[in-house]
Each structure stands twice: as structure tokens, then as C-alpha cells.
Amino acid sequence: MNGLHDVRLPAGPQAAALAELWTIMLWVCVLVFVLAMAALAISIRRAASNRHEGKAPAAIDASRVSTLQRWIGGGVAASSLLLFGLLFASFRADRLTREPAARYGVPTACASCPRSERSRS
């Protein structure tokens, strides 16, 4: 590619903000997918080893319940933090895309404005 036109490069500050948001969301989703697949592989491996040892699949001893609760609680907390991080990244990208429009007086769609005001801008 000669660098004059590359579809992967954003052409302005608004496009750059959206490209950054997309990249952040991509890597967060990749991380969550990899962790979910690792948890699935671990659970399948443990179920297979329990089957070889003759343990019942539904039998969970009391000592492991607190460990499982901690893992589940940690997963819920991590998921919540990731979702809030994506929410704030989305707010940041939205603010960056609206900022140049306001600076140059470009009208934007106003969801809370009456219909007549939206048609004028």
C-alpha cells in the first residue's frame, strides 16, 4: 500500500475516536472469549478425570463450595468492571465525535428536541 489511501486508517478525529472504541471493544471481547474457552476446557478436563476416578458428576464436597462461590463472584465482578469500562469508553467516543461538530456549528440530531426543531437544524 502506498499510504495515500488505507481503509484501516481513520480520516479524521471523529473516525479516530470510533476506531479506538472499536479496537478496545475487539480486544475486550477477545479476552473474554479466550477466558471463557479456557474455563470450558478446564471444566471438561475435570469432568473427564472425575469420570475416570468414579466420582458422580453432581457430587460437590462442602470444601469446594466456597472456592466455587469465590470464582463465580470474581467472574461476575470482572464482567461488571469490563462492561463499565466499555460503557465509559463509549461515552468518551461519543463526546469526541460531538465535540468537533459543536466547535464548528454543525447541527446534530437532538433526541429530546421537538420534531420541528430537529427539522430546522
N, C-alpha and C. Protein backbone atom coordinates (compact mmCIF):
# COMPACT_ATOMS: atom_id res chain seq x y z
N MET A 1 0.85 -1.17 0.00
CA MET A 1 0.00 0.00 0.00
C MET A 1 0.90 1.23 0.00
N ASN A 2 0.54 2.24 -0.75
CA ASN A 2 1.39 3.42 -0.89
C ASN A 2 1.15 4.46 0.20
N GLY A 3 0.19 4.27 1.08
CA GLY A 3 -0.03 5.19 2.19
C GLY A 3 -0.99 6.32 1.88
N LEU A 4 -1.35 6.52 0.62
CA LEU A 4 -2.26 7.60 0.29
C LEU A 4 -3.69 7.27 0.71
N HIS A 5 -4.06 6.02 0.54
CA HIS A 5 -5.41 5.61 0.91
C HIS A 5 -5.34 4.23 1.56
N ASP A 6 -5.72 4.20 2.82
CA ASP A 6 -5.74 2.93 3.54
C ASP A 6 -7.04 2.86 4.31
N VAL A 7 -7.85 1.88 4.02
CA VAL A 7 -9.17 1.78 4.61
C VAL A 7 -9.10 1.56 6.12
N ARG A 8 -7.98 1.09 6.64
CA ARG A 8 -7.84 0.83 8.07
C ARG A 8 -7.49 2.08 8.87
N LEU A 9 -7.12 3.16 8.21
CA LEU A 9 -6.72 4.38 8.91
C LEU A 9 -7.89 5.37 8.94
N PRO A 10 -8.24 5.86 10.13
CA PRO A 10 -9.32 6.84 10.21
C PRO A 10 -8.90 8.17 9.59
N ALA A 11 -9.85 8.85 8.96
CA ALA A 11 -9.54 10.06 8.21
C ALA A 11 -9.80 11.34 8.98
N GLY A 12 -10.22 11.28 10.21
CA GLY A 12 -10.50 12.49 10.98
C GLY A 12 -10.60 12.17 12.46
N PRO A 13 -10.77 13.20 13.28
CA PRO A 13 -10.81 12.96 14.73
C PRO A 13 -12.03 12.14 15.16
N GLN A 14 -13.15 12.32 14.50
CA GLN A 14 -14.34 11.53 14.85
C GLN A 14 -14.14 10.07 14.47
N ALA A 15 -13.62 9.84 13.29
CA ALA A 15 -13.36 8.47 12.85
C ALA A 15 -12.29 7.82 13.72
N ALA A 16 -11.31 8.59 14.16
CA ALA A 16 -10.27 8.06 15.04
C ALA A 16 -10.85 7.64 16.38
N ALA A 17 -11.78 8.43 16.92
CA ALA A 17 -12.42 8.08 18.19
C ALA A 17 -13.23 6.79 18.05
N LEU A 18 -13.95 6.65 16.96
CA LEU A 18 -14.73 5.44 16.74
C LEU A 18 -13.83 4.23 16.48
N ALA A 19 -12.73 4.42 15.77
CA ALA A 19 -11.79 3.33 15.53
C ALA A 19 -11.15 2.87 16.84
N GLU A 20 -10.83 3.83 17.71
CA GLU A 20 -10.26 3.47 19.02
C GLU A 20 -11.28 2.70 19.85
N LEU A 21 -12.53 3.13 19.85
CA LEU A 21 -13.58 2.42 20.58
C LEU A 21 -13.75 1.01 20.03
N TRP A 22 -13.74 0.87 18.72
CA TRP A 22 -13.89 -0.45 18.11
C TRP A 22 -12.74 -1.36 18.50
N THR A 23 -11.52 -0.82 18.50
CA THR A 23 -10.34 -1.61 18.87
C THR A 23 -10.41 -2.06 20.32
N ILE A 24 -10.82 -1.16 21.21
CA ILE A 24 -10.96 -1.52 22.62
C ILE A 24 -11.99 -2.62 22.78
N MET A 25 -13.14 -2.48 22.14
CA MET A 25 -14.18 -3.49 22.25
C MET A 25 -13.73 -4.83 21.66
N LEU A 26 -12.99 -4.79 20.57
CA LEU A 26 -12.48 -6.01 19.96
C LEU A 26 -11.60 -6.77 20.94
N TRP A 27 -10.62 -6.09 21.55
CA TRP A 27 -9.68 -6.76 22.44
C TRP A 27 -10.33 -7.22 23.73
N VAL A 28 -11.31 -6.48 24.23
CA VAL A 28 -12.04 -6.93 25.42
C VAL A 28 -12.83 -8.20 25.08
N CYS A 29 -13.47 -8.22 23.93
CA CYS A 29 -14.23 -9.41 23.52
C CYS A 29 -13.31 -10.60 23.28
N VAL A 30 -12.15 -10.37 22.71
CA VAL A 30 -11.18 -11.45 22.51
C VAL A 30 -10.74 -12.01 23.86
N LEU A 31 -10.46 -11.13 24.82
CA LEU A 31 -10.05 -11.56 26.16
C LEU A 31 -11.15 -12.38 26.83
N VAL A 32 -12.37 -11.91 26.78
CA VAL A 32 -13.49 -12.63 27.40
C VAL A 32 -13.69 -13.98 26.72
N PHE A 33 -13.59 -14.03 25.40
CA PHE A 33 -13.75 -15.28 24.68
C PHE A 33 -12.67 -16.29 25.07
N VAL A 34 -11.43 -15.84 25.13
CA VAL A 34 -10.32 -16.74 25.49
C VAL A 34 -10.50 -17.26 26.92
N LEU A 35 -10.89 -16.38 27.85
CA LEU A 35 -11.11 -16.82 29.22
C LEU A 35 -12.28 -17.80 29.33
N ALA A 36 -13.34 -17.55 28.59
CA ALA A 36 -14.48 -18.47 28.60
C ALA A 36 -14.11 -19.83 28.02
N MET A 37 -13.33 -19.85 26.94
CA MET A 37 -12.91 -21.12 26.36
C MET A 37 -11.95 -21.86 27.28
N ALA A 38 -11.10 -21.12 28.00
CA ALA A 38 -10.20 -21.76 28.96
C ALA A 38 -10.99 -22.38 30.11
N ALA A 39 -12.01 -21.67 30.61
CA ALA A 39 -12.85 -22.22 31.67
C ALA A 39 -13.59 -23.46 31.19
N LEU A 40 -14.07 -23.44 29.96
CA LEU A 40 -14.75 -24.60 29.39
C LEU A 40 -13.79 -25.79 29.29
N ALA A 41 -12.57 -25.55 28.81
CA ALA A 41 -11.60 -26.64 28.67
C ALA A 41 -11.23 -27.22 30.04
N ILE A 42 -11.08 -26.36 31.04
CA ILE A 42 -10.76 -26.84 32.39
C ILE A 42 -11.90 -27.68 32.94
N SER A 43 -13.14 -27.22 32.75
CA SER A 43 -14.28 -27.98 33.28
C SER A 43 -14.45 -29.32 32.57
N ILE A 44 -14.21 -29.35 31.27
CA ILE A 44 -14.30 -30.62 30.54
C ILE A 44 -13.21 -31.58 31.01
N ARG A 45 -12.00 -31.06 31.20
CA ARG A 45 -10.90 -31.91 31.67
C ARG A 45 -11.18 -32.46 33.07
N ARG A 46 -11.71 -31.61 33.95
CA ARG A 46 -12.02 -32.08 35.31
C ARG A 46 -13.14 -33.10 35.30
N ALA A 47 -14.14 -32.89 34.46
CA ALA A 47 -15.23 -33.87 34.38
C ALA A 47 -14.72 -35.21 33.88
N ALA A 48 -13.81 -35.20 32.93
CA ALA A 48 -13.25 -36.45 32.41
C ALA A 48 -12.41 -37.14 33.48
N SER A 49 -11.64 -36.38 34.25
CA SER A 49 -10.83 -37.02 35.30
C SER A 49 -11.72 -37.55 36.43
N ASN A 50 -12.82 -36.85 36.74
CA ASN A 50 -13.75 -37.36 37.75
C ASN A 50 -14.42 -38.65 37.29
N ARG A 51 -14.69 -38.75 36.01
CA ARG A 51 -15.31 -39.95 35.47
C ARG A 51 -14.36 -41.14 35.60
N HIS A 52 -13.05 -40.90 35.37
CA HIS A 52 -12.07 -41.98 35.50
C HIS A 52 -11.91 -42.41 36.95
N GLU A 53 -12.08 -41.48 37.88
CA GLU A 53 -11.94 -41.80 39.30
C GLU A 53 -13.22 -42.40 39.87
N GLY A 54 -14.31 -42.40 39.12
CA GLY A 54 -15.56 -42.99 39.56
C GLY A 54 -16.42 -42.07 40.40
N LYS A 55 -16.13 -40.77 40.42
CA LYS A 55 -16.95 -39.83 41.18
C LYS A 55 -18.21 -39.48 40.40
N ALA A 56 -19.28 -39.20 41.13
CA ALA A 56 -20.52 -38.77 40.50
C ALA A 56 -20.36 -37.35 39.99
N PRO A 57 -20.90 -37.02 38.81
CA PRO A 57 -20.72 -35.67 38.26
C PRO A 57 -21.35 -34.57 39.12
N ALA A 58 -22.45 -34.86 39.79
CA ALA A 58 -23.14 -33.82 40.55
C ALA A 58 -22.63 -33.70 41.98
N ALA A 59 -21.73 -34.57 42.40
CA ALA A 59 -21.25 -34.55 43.78
C ALA A 59 -20.21 -33.45 43.95
N ILE A 60 -20.53 -32.48 44.80
CA ILE A 60 -19.59 -31.40 45.12
C ILE A 60 -19.42 -31.40 46.62
N ASP A 61 -18.19 -31.59 47.08
CA ASP A 61 -17.98 -31.60 48.52
C ASP A 61 -18.05 -30.18 49.09
N ALA A 62 -18.33 -30.08 50.37
CA ALA A 62 -18.59 -28.79 51.02
C ALA A 62 -17.36 -27.88 51.00
N SER A 63 -16.18 -28.44 50.98
CA SER A 63 -14.98 -27.60 50.98
C SER A 63 -14.81 -26.84 49.66
N ARG A 64 -15.34 -27.40 48.59
CA ARG A 64 -15.19 -26.74 47.29
C ARG A 64 -16.25 -25.70 47.02
N VAL A 65 -17.32 -25.69 47.80
CA VAL A 65 -18.41 -24.74 47.57
C VAL A 65 -17.92 -23.31 47.74
N SER A 66 -17.15 -23.02 48.78
CA SER A 66 -16.67 -21.65 48.98
C SER A 66 -15.69 -21.25 47.88
N THR A 67 -14.90 -22.19 47.41
CA THR A 67 -13.97 -21.88 46.30
C THR A 67 -14.76 -21.57 45.03
N LEU A 68 -15.78 -22.37 44.76
CA LEU A 68 -16.61 -22.11 43.58
C LEU A 68 -17.34 -20.78 43.69
N GLN A 69 -17.82 -20.46 44.88
CA GLN A 69 -18.51 -19.18 45.08
C GLN A 69 -17.55 -18.01 44.84
N ARG A 70 -16.32 -18.15 45.30
CA ARG A 70 -15.33 -17.08 45.06
C ARG A 70 -15.04 -16.92 43.58
N TRP A 71 -14.90 -18.02 42.86
CA TRP A 71 -14.63 -17.93 41.42
C TRP A 71 -15.81 -17.30 40.68
N ILE A 72 -17.01 -17.69 41.04
CA ILE A 72 -18.19 -17.12 40.38
C ILE A 72 -18.33 -15.64 40.71
N GLY A 73 -18.12 -15.28 41.98
CA GLY A 73 -18.17 -13.87 42.37
C GLY A 73 -17.11 -13.04 41.67
N GLY A 74 -15.92 -13.59 41.54
CA GLY A 74 -14.85 -12.89 40.82
C GLY A 74 -15.18 -12.71 39.35
N GLY A 75 -15.79 -13.74 38.75
CA GLY A 75 -16.18 -13.63 37.34
C GLY A 75 -17.24 -12.58 37.12
N VAL A 76 -18.22 -12.53 38.04
CA VAL A 76 -19.27 -11.51 37.93
C VAL A 76 -18.68 -10.12 38.12
N ALA A 77 -17.79 -9.96 39.09
CA ALA A 77 -17.16 -8.65 39.33
C ALA A 77 -16.31 -8.22 38.13
N ALA A 78 -15.52 -9.15 37.59
CA ALA A 78 -14.68 -8.81 36.43
C ALA A 78 -15.54 -8.45 35.22
N SER A 79 -16.62 -9.19 35.00
CA SER A 79 -17.52 -8.88 33.89
C SER A 79 -18.15 -7.51 34.05
N SER A 80 -18.55 -7.20 35.28
CA SER A 80 -19.15 -5.89 35.54
C SER A 80 -18.16 -4.77 35.30
N LEU A 81 -16.92 -4.95 35.76
CA LEU A 81 -15.90 -3.93 35.53
C LEU A 81 -15.61 -3.74 34.05
N LEU A 82 -15.53 -4.84 33.32
CA LEU A 82 -15.29 -4.73 31.87
C LEU A 82 -16.44 -4.02 31.17
N LEU A 83 -17.67 -4.33 31.56
CA LEU A 83 -18.81 -3.67 30.93
C LEU A 83 -18.84 -2.17 31.26
N PHE A 84 -18.53 -1.81 32.50
CA PHE A 84 -18.48 -0.39 32.83
C PHE A 84 -17.34 0.30 32.10
N GLY A 85 -16.21 -0.39 31.93
CA GLY A 85 -15.11 0.17 31.15
C GLY A 85 -15.52 0.44 29.71
N LEU A 86 -16.23 -0.52 29.11
CA LEU A 86 -16.72 -0.32 27.74
C LEU A 86 -17.75 0.80 27.68
N LEU A 87 -18.58 0.91 28.70
CA LEU A 87 -19.56 1.99 28.75
C LEU A 87 -18.87 3.35 28.77
N PHE A 88 -17.85 3.50 29.61
CA PHE A 88 -17.15 4.77 29.68
C PHE A 88 -16.35 5.05 28.41
N ALA A 89 -15.80 4.02 27.79
CA ALA A 89 -15.11 4.21 26.51
C ALA A 89 -16.10 4.67 25.43
N SER A 90 -17.31 4.13 25.48
CA SER A 90 -18.34 4.55 24.53
C SER A 90 -18.74 6.01 24.78
N PHE A 91 -18.91 6.39 26.04
CA PHE A 91 -19.21 7.79 26.36
C PHE A 91 -18.11 8.72 25.88
N ARG A 92 -16.86 8.29 26.05
CA ARG A 92 -15.72 9.11 25.62
C ARG A 92 -15.73 9.27 24.10
N ALA A 93 -15.97 8.19 23.39
CA ALA A 93 -16.01 8.27 21.92
C ALA A 93 -17.17 9.15 21.47
N ASP A 94 -18.31 9.04 22.15
CA ASP A 94 -19.45 9.88 21.79
C ASP A 94 -19.13 11.34 22.01
N ARG A 95 -18.49 11.66 23.13
CA ARG A 95 -18.13 13.06 23.40
C ARG A 95 -17.13 13.56 22.36
N LEU A 96 -16.18 12.72 21.98
CA LEU A 96 -15.19 13.15 20.99
C LEU A 96 -15.81 13.33 19.60
N THR A 97 -16.84 12.55 19.29
CA THR A 97 -17.47 12.72 17.97
C THR A 97 -18.39 13.93 17.94
N ARG A 98 -18.94 14.32 19.09
CA ARG A 98 -19.81 15.50 19.12
C ARG A 98 -19.03 16.80 19.27
N GLU A 99 -17.85 16.73 19.84
CA GLU A 99 -17.05 17.93 20.12
C GLU A 99 -16.72 18.74 18.86
N PRO A 100 -16.17 18.13 17.81
CA PRO A 100 -15.87 18.92 16.61
C PRO A 100 -17.12 19.51 15.97
N ALA A 101 -18.23 18.78 16.04
CA ALA A 101 -19.47 19.30 15.44
C ALA A 101 -19.92 20.56 16.17
N ALA A 102 -19.83 20.55 17.50
CA ALA A 102 -20.23 21.72 18.27
C ALA A 102 -19.26 22.88 18.04
N ARG A 103 -17.99 22.57 17.89
CA ARG A 103 -16.98 23.61 17.69
C ARG A 103 -17.20 24.37 16.39
N TYR A 104 -17.61 23.64 15.34
CA TYR A 104 -17.77 24.28 14.05
C TYR A 104 -19.22 24.63 13.74
N GLY A 105 -20.11 24.47 14.69
CA GLY A 105 -21.50 24.85 14.49
C GLY A 105 -22.28 23.91 13.60
N VAL A 106 -21.83 22.68 13.50
CA VAL A 106 -22.55 21.71 12.68
C VAL A 106 -23.72 21.18 13.50
N PRO A 107 -24.94 21.24 12.99
CA PRO A 107 -26.08 20.76 13.77
C PRO A 107 -26.04 19.25 13.92
N THR A 108 -26.45 18.80 15.09
CA THR A 108 -26.54 17.36 15.35
C THR A 108 -27.98 17.02 15.69
N ALA A 109 -28.34 15.78 15.54
CA ALA A 109 -29.70 15.34 15.86
C ALA A 109 -29.90 15.40 17.36
N CYS A 110 -30.99 15.96 17.78
CA CYS A 110 -31.32 16.10 19.19
C CYS A 110 -32.52 15.23 19.48
N ALA A 111 -32.32 14.17 20.25
CA ALA A 111 -33.41 13.23 20.52
C ALA A 111 -34.48 13.85 21.42
N SER A 112 -34.10 14.79 22.28
CA SER A 112 -35.08 15.37 23.20
C SER A 112 -35.75 16.62 22.63
N CYS A 113 -35.31 17.09 21.45
CA CYS A 113 -35.90 18.27 20.85
C CYS A 113 -37.23 17.92 20.20
N PRO A 114 -38.16 18.87 20.17
CA PRO A 114 -39.39 18.63 19.41
C PRO A 114 -39.07 18.42 17.92
N ARG A 115 -39.96 17.78 17.24
CA ARG A 115 -39.75 17.44 15.83
C ARG A 115 -39.47 18.66 14.97
N SER A 116 -40.10 19.79 15.24
CA SER A 116 -39.91 20.98 14.42
C SER A 116 -38.49 21.54 14.56
N GLU A 117 -37.90 21.43 15.77
CA GLU A 117 -36.54 21.93 15.96
C GLU A 117 -35.53 21.03 15.26
N ARG A 118 -35.79 19.73 15.24
CA ARG A 118 -34.87 18.81 14.57
C ARG A 118 -34.86 19.03 13.07
N SER A 119 -35.99 19.37 12.50
CA SER A 119 -36.04 19.56 11.05
C SER A 119 -35.35 20.85 10.63
N ARG A 120 -35.28 21.85 11.54
CA ARG A 120 -34.61 23.11 11.19
C ARG A 120 -33.10 22.98 11.21
N SER A 121 -32.56 22.11 12.07
CA SER A 121 -31.10 22.04 12.19
C SER A 121 -30.46 21.14 11.20
